[in-house]
Amino acid sequence: MSPELSVSIRFLQALALALGVVASLPAFAEAPTLRWPLPLPAGQPWRIVDLREGNGIRHEEYIPRGQGVEDYRDRIVVQRMVSQNLNPETYLAHVSAGLRAHCSELTTSGLFASERDGLPSAALTVYCSRFDSRSYGYVVAQKAVLDGDHLFVVEREWRLPAFSVDATGLPQFGAGSPDDEAIKREIRLALRWLVEQVQPGGAVIAPAPPPAKLPQHPKRRS
């Protein structure tokens, strides 16, 4: 693994370790709820590049076809883990705090808390203007769902050339440029995907069609 990849934005894994999720738990089979299918966003073909499972954690990573594992622009991370008594909003706050130590400027937006089928969830977008001394920063749109003792976490991430955060706390990817508007539109669409489509249970199962009518035969006359 290259040095750049090893220090990249794998902060969700680092957070899980810091919270003792891996170290303090014995290995056990995952509950069925932890195998929720994920409806990947439309617009580009995604491929899985990492899949690890054990000690109560399942970790998946996806990037678009044509992008490299070490020089990707776009990434999706999916994790299922024991909640350690964290609710979705608290978990996302921990993630933001862990990332802040590596960012020149950091701001957040779009906190959206909701509940569906009795399961609380929260979504948040984090903007890291520059990651350590590297030439790029990150935008990370996240959603966490609490299902009993487990968290289901989905992250849509962009690795972008270093940008700025203005005095009002808004990210600027080149104010007024086509890139600025295009990136912000991508982020809005990703948030919509997280809020509306990333749900426990995955894809909606369509109701079964009504049974076909049997052909009617004319009644015999007596």
Protein backbone atom coordinates (compact mmCIF):
# COMPACT_ATOMS: atom_id res chain seq x y z
CA MET A 1 0.00 0.00 0.00
CA SER A 2 1.44 3.41 -0.96
CA PRO A 3 2.11 6.07 1.75
CA GLU A 4 -0.47 8.34 0.13
CA LEU A 5 -3.16 5.69 0.26
CA SER A 6 -2.32 4.71 3.83
CA VAL A 7 -2.79 8.27 5.11
CA SER A 8 -5.77 8.98 2.91
CA ILE A 9 -9.22 9.64 4.24
CA ARG A 10 -9.82 6.32 5.96
CA PHE A 11 -10.98 8.18 9.02
CA LEU A 12 -14.09 6.06 9.44
CA GLN A 13 -11.88 3.05 10.07
CA ALA A 14 -9.68 5.06 12.42
CA LEU A 15 -12.75 6.26 14.26
CA ALA A 16 -14.03 2.71 14.70
CA LEU A 17 -10.68 1.67 16.12
CA ALA A 18 -10.54 4.67 18.44
CA LEU A 19 -13.95 3.84 19.79
CA GLY A 20 -12.83 0.29 20.50
CA VAL A 21 -15.33 -1.27 18.13
CA VAL A 22 -12.87 -3.75 16.70
CA ALA A 23 -10.55 -4.33 19.64
CA SER A 24 -13.17 -4.85 22.30
CA LEU A 25 -15.55 -7.16 20.45
CA PRO A 26 -15.34 -10.89 19.89
CA ALA A 27 -15.91 -12.21 16.40
CA PHE A 28 -19.53 -13.07 15.70
CA ALA A 29 -21.86 -13.55 12.79
CA GLU A 30 -23.49 -10.44 11.47
CA ALA A 31 -27.17 -9.90 12.01
CA PRO A 32 -29.32 -10.03 8.86
CA THR A 33 -30.02 -6.28 9.09
CA LEU A 34 -26.32 -5.60 8.46
CA ARG A 35 -26.60 -6.93 4.92
CA TRP A 36 -28.78 -4.13 3.60
CA PRO A 37 -28.22 -3.78 -0.15
CA LEU A 38 -27.09 -0.34 -1.28
CA PRO A 39 -28.65 1.34 -4.33
CA LEU A 40 -25.55 2.90 -5.92
CA PRO A 41 -26.17 6.37 -7.41
CA ALA A 42 -26.83 6.59 -11.12
CA GLY A 43 -24.67 8.47 -13.60
CA GLN A 44 -21.52 6.33 -13.68
CA PRO A 45 -20.65 2.64 -13.35
CA TRP A 46 -19.28 1.86 -9.88
CA ARG A 47 -16.97 -1.06 -9.05
CA ILE A 48 -16.10 -2.50 -5.66
CA VAL A 49 -12.41 -2.15 -4.76
CA ASP A 50 -12.36 -3.20 -1.10
CA LEU A 51 -14.45 -5.59 0.98
CA ARG A 52 -13.57 -6.62 4.54
CA GLU A 53 -15.70 -8.26 7.18
CA GLY A 54 -15.15 -9.44 10.73
CA ASN A 55 -15.51 -8.63 14.43
CA GLY A 56 -18.88 -7.06 13.81
CA ILE A 57 -17.73 -4.69 11.06
CA ARG A 58 -18.33 -4.88 7.33
CA HIS A 59 -16.44 -2.36 5.18
CA GLU A 60 -17.01 -1.78 1.45
CA GLU A 61 -15.45 0.75 -0.93
CA TYR A 62 -16.53 1.65 -4.45
CA ILE A 63 -15.00 3.90 -7.12
CA PRO A 64 -16.14 4.55 -10.70
CA ARG A 65 -14.70 2.49 -13.51
CA GLY A 66 -11.81 4.35 -15.11
CA GLN A 67 -10.59 5.81 -11.81
CA GLY A 68 -7.63 4.32 -9.95
CA VAL A 69 -7.59 3.08 -6.37
CA GLU A 70 -4.76 5.47 -5.48
CA ASP A 71 -5.77 8.48 -7.58
CA TYR A 72 -9.57 8.36 -7.47
CA ARG A 73 -11.76 11.46 -7.51
CA ASP A 74 -14.97 9.78 -6.38
CA ARG A 75 -15.53 7.12 -3.75
CA ILE A 76 -18.37 5.49 -1.82
CA VAL A 77 -17.69 3.87 1.56
CA VAL A 78 -20.24 1.61 3.27
CA GLN A 79 -19.84 0.39 6.82
CA ARG A 80 -21.95 -1.65 9.23
CA MET A 81 -20.75 -1.70 12.82
CA VAL A 82 -21.77 -1.93 16.46
CA SER A 83 -23.00 1.50 17.54
CA GLN A 84 -21.18 1.67 20.91
CA ASN A 85 -24.25 3.58 22.15
CA LEU A 86 -23.72 6.37 19.61
CA ASN A 87 -26.75 7.78 17.82
CA PRO A 88 -26.41 8.87 14.16
CA GLU A 89 -25.86 12.56 14.90
CA THR A 90 -23.24 11.87 17.57
CA TYR A 91 -21.42 9.45 15.30
CA LEU A 92 -21.23 12.00 12.46
CA ALA A 93 -19.96 14.63 14.92
CA HIS A 94 -17.14 12.26 15.96
CA VAL A 95 -16.19 11.73 12.33
CA SER A 96 -16.08 15.49 11.68
CA ALA A 97 -13.94 16.05 14.77
CA GLY A 98 -11.49 13.35 13.69
CA LEU A 99 -11.16 14.88 10.24
CA ARG A 100 -10.75 18.45 11.55
CA ALA A 101 -7.24 17.70 12.85
CA HIS A 102 -6.07 17.02 9.26
CA CYS A 103 -7.73 19.95 7.48
CA SER A 104 -6.53 23.52 6.88
CA GLU A 105 -10.15 24.67 7.01
CA LEU A 106 -13.21 22.60 7.77
CA THR A 107 -16.88 23.43 7.58
CA THR A 108 -20.07 21.39 7.63
CA SER A 109 -23.55 21.78 6.22
CA GLY A 110 -26.76 19.97 5.49
CA LEU A 111 -27.41 18.27 8.83
CA PHE A 112 -30.63 16.35 8.25
CA ALA A 113 -32.11 14.17 10.97
CA SER A 114 -35.09 11.92 10.32
CA GLU A 115 -36.74 8.66 11.26
CA ARG A 116 -38.18 5.91 9.08
CA ASP A 117 -39.78 2.68 10.19
CA GLY A 118 -38.72 3.52 13.73
CA LEU A 119 -35.02 3.81 12.79
CA PRO A 120 -33.35 7.21 13.41
CA SER A 121 -30.88 8.57 10.87
CA ALA A 122 -28.83 11.69 10.19
CA ALA A 123 -27.01 13.10 7.17
CA LEU A 124 -24.16 15.64 7.14
CA THR A 125 -21.72 17.08 4.60
CA VAL A 126 -18.14 17.87 5.64
CA TYR A 127 -15.83 20.12 3.61
CA CYS A 128 -12.07 19.73 4.22
CA SER A 129 -10.32 22.47 2.19
CA ARG A 130 -6.88 20.82 2.21
CA PHE A 131 -5.89 17.46 3.71
CA ASP A 132 -2.66 17.94 5.69
CA SER A 133 0.02 19.28 3.31
CA ARG A 134 -1.40 17.63 0.22
CA SER A 135 -2.62 19.42 -2.87
CA TYR A 136 -6.19 18.24 -2.44
CA GLY A 137 -9.07 18.43 -0.02
CA TYR A 138 -12.21 16.38 0.52
CA VAL A 139 -15.94 16.76 0.44
CA VAL A 140 -17.70 13.97 2.34
CA ALA A 141 -21.48 13.56 2.37
CA GLN A 142 -22.49 11.00 4.99
CA LYS A 143 -25.56 9.28 6.32
CA ALA A 144 -25.80 7.10 9.42
CA VAL A 145 -28.80 4.93 10.35
CA LEU A 146 -29.22 3.31 13.76
CA ASP A 147 -30.80 -0.14 13.74
CA GLY A 148 -30.88 -1.57 17.24
CA ASP A 149 -27.27 -1.94 18.37
CA HIS A 150 -25.78 -1.33 14.93
CA LEU A 151 -24.96 1.65 12.73
CA PHE A 152 -25.26 1.53 8.95
CA VAL A 153 -23.02 4.30 7.53
CA VAL A 154 -22.78 5.42 3.90
CA GLU A 155 -20.28 8.02 2.71
CA ARG A 156 -20.08 9.70 -0.71
CA GLU A 157 -16.66 11.28 -1.05
CA TRP A 158 -14.94 13.59 -3.53
CA ARG A 159 -11.16 14.17 -3.56
CA LEU A 160 -10.72 17.60 -5.16
CA PRO A 161 -7.97 20.16 -5.74
CA ALA A 162 -7.48 22.22 -2.57
CA PHE A 163 -10.24 24.81 -2.20
CA SER A 164 -11.17 27.53 0.29
CA VAL A 165 -13.87 28.21 2.86
CA ASP A 166 -15.07 31.82 2.97
CA ALA A 167 -15.83 33.95 6.00
CA THR A 168 -19.45 32.77 6.05
CA GLY A 169 -18.40 29.12 6.22
CA LEU A 170 -19.26 28.29 2.61
CA PRO A 171 -16.88 26.24 0.45
CA GLN A 172 -15.56 27.88 -2.71
CA PHE A 173 -14.32 25.61 -5.50
CA GLY A 174 -13.44 28.60 -7.71
CA ALA A 175 -16.20 31.15 -7.12
CA GLY A 176 -18.27 31.80 -10.21
CA SER A 177 -16.50 29.15 -12.29
CA PRO A 178 -18.29 26.29 -14.08
CA ASP A 179 -16.41 23.81 -11.85
CA ASP A 180 -17.77 25.48 -8.72
CA GLU A 181 -21.38 25.10 -9.84
CA ALA A 182 -20.85 21.59 -11.21
CA ILE A 183 -19.34 20.31 -7.95
CA LYS A 184 -22.04 21.91 -5.84
CA ARG A 185 -24.68 20.32 -8.05
CA GLU A 186 -23.01 16.90 -7.60
CA ILE A 187 -23.09 17.38 -3.85
CA ARG A 188 -26.78 18.32 -3.87
CA LEU A 189 -27.62 15.22 -5.91
CA ALA A 190 -25.58 13.03 -3.57
CA LEU A 191 -27.43 14.41 -0.55
CA ARG A 192 -30.72 13.67 -2.25
CA TRP A 193 -29.54 10.11 -2.93
CA LEU A 194 -28.48 9.65 0.69
CA VAL A 195 -31.68 11.06 2.16
CA GLU A 196 -34.19 9.51 -0.23
CA GLN A 197 -32.66 6.22 -1.43
CA VAL A 198 -30.20 5.01 1.21
CA GLN A 199 -32.64 3.31 3.56
CA PRO A 200 -32.71 0.14 5.66
CA GLY A 201 -33.82 -2.82 3.61
CA GLY A 202 -32.36 -1.49 0.37
CA ALA A 203 -34.41 -1.64 -2.78
CA VAL A 204 -38.16 -1.47 -2.51
CA ILE A 205 -39.83 -4.73 -3.45
CA ALA A 206 -42.65 -4.15 -5.86
CA PRO A 207 -46.00 -5.67 -4.92
CA ALA A 208 -46.85 -8.90 -6.68
CA PRO A 209 -49.09 -8.43 -9.72
CA PRO A 210 -52.69 -9.57 -9.37
CA PRO A 211 -53.33 -13.14 -10.52
CA ALA A 212 -54.24 -13.46 -14.16
CA LYS A 213 -57.88 -14.07 -14.85
CA LEU A 214 -58.67 -17.54 -16.09
CA PRO A 215 -60.46 -17.73 -19.43
CA GLN A 216 -64.18 -17.79 -19.00
CA HIS A 217 -65.98 -20.69 -20.66
CA PRO A 218 -69.63 -20.28 -21.66
CA LYS A 219 -72.02 -22.05 -19.34
CA ARG A 220 -73.71 -25.15 -20.74
CA ARG A 221 -77.39 -24.92 -21.14
CA SER A 222 -79.35 -27.69 -19.50
